[in-house]
Amino acid sequence: MEPPTHVDRFDFEQSIMQCWGVVDVLKSFSTQNAAPADYIALSRVYQKHFENLFSIFEKLLEEGKLV
């Protein structure tokens, strides 16, 4: 996944918060007796969220915006 061309610490924070969303979704799935396929789909969605988070992290390091 290509990192955005311009990122800052706010983009990084936003991406971290999106990844934390997995906690709430898992709680919701467990109370709704979700099927195994639902968990597989969820893992694919959050894989993309974490890939985006890491891309932003790498871009910020590359640009010297994180120390």
Protein backbone atom coordinates (compact mmCIF):
# COMPACT_ATOMS: atom_id res chain seq x y z
CA MET A 1 0.00 0.00 0.00
CA GLU A 2 1.37 3.37 -0.99
CA PRO A 3 1.56 5.96 1.79
CA PRO A 4 -0.24 9.23 1.23
CA THR A 5 1.92 11.93 -0.35
CA HIS A 6 1.53 14.29 2.60
CA VAL A 7 1.10 13.00 6.14
CA ASP A 8 1.42 14.53 9.55
CA ARG A 9 1.04 13.39 13.13
CA PHE A 10 -2.71 13.97 12.96
CA ASP A 11 -3.01 11.46 10.09
CA PHE A 12 -0.98 9.06 12.19
CA GLU A 13 -3.24 9.56 15.21
CA GLN A 14 -6.35 9.10 13.05
CA SER A 15 -5.00 5.85 11.67
CA ILE A 16 -4.18 4.57 15.17
CA MET A 17 -7.74 5.31 16.29
CA GLN A 18 -9.14 3.43 13.29
CA CYS A 19 -7.10 0.40 14.27
CA TRP A 20 -8.36 0.59 17.86
CA GLY A 21 -11.86 0.20 16.41
CA VAL A 22 -11.22 -3.52 16.12
CA VAL A 23 -11.78 -3.83 19.86
CA ASP A 24 -15.34 -2.50 19.68
CA VAL A 25 -16.14 -4.53 16.58
CA LEU A 26 -14.93 -7.74 18.22
CA LYS A 27 -17.11 -7.05 21.25
CA SER A 28 -20.08 -6.49 18.95
CA PHE A 29 -19.37 -9.68 17.00
CA SER A 30 -19.16 -11.75 20.17
CA THR A 31 -22.55 -10.53 21.41
CA GLN A 32 -24.16 -11.24 18.04
CA ASN A 33 -22.82 -14.79 17.65
CA ALA A 34 -21.04 -13.90 14.41
CA ALA A 35 -20.14 -16.66 11.99
CA PRO A 36 -16.50 -17.65 11.43
CA ALA A 37 -16.65 -16.08 7.95
CA ASP A 38 -17.51 -12.75 9.57
CA TYR A 39 -14.31 -12.89 11.61
CA ILE A 40 -12.29 -13.69 8.49
CA ALA A 41 -13.80 -10.69 6.70
CA LEU A 42 -13.09 -8.51 9.72
CA SER A 43 -9.47 -9.62 9.76
CA ARG A 44 -9.11 -8.60 6.10
CA VAL A 45 -10.56 -5.16 6.76
CA TYR A 46 -8.29 -4.54 9.74
CA GLN A 47 -5.28 -5.90 7.87
CA LYS A 48 -5.76 -2.95 5.49
CA HIS A 49 -6.16 -0.51 8.40
CA PHE A 50 -2.89 -1.71 9.94
CA GLU A 51 -1.09 -1.62 6.58
CA ASN A 52 -2.20 1.99 6.17
CA LEU A 53 -1.06 2.80 9.70
CA PHE A 54 2.37 1.34 9.02
CA SER A 55 2.64 3.21 5.71
CA ILE A 56 1.96 6.49 7.48
CA PHE A 57 4.49 5.60 10.18
CA GLU A 58 7.15 4.85 7.56
CA LYS A 59 6.41 8.08 5.69
CA LEU A 60 6.70 10.14 8.88
CA LEU A 61 10.04 8.50 9.70
CA GLU A 62 11.27 9.07 6.15
CA GLU A 63 10.36 12.75 6.36
CA GLY A 64 11.98 13.13 9.79
CA LYS A 65 8.67 14.05 11.41
CA LEU A 66 9.06 11.41 14.15
CA VAL A 67 12.02 11.19 16.43
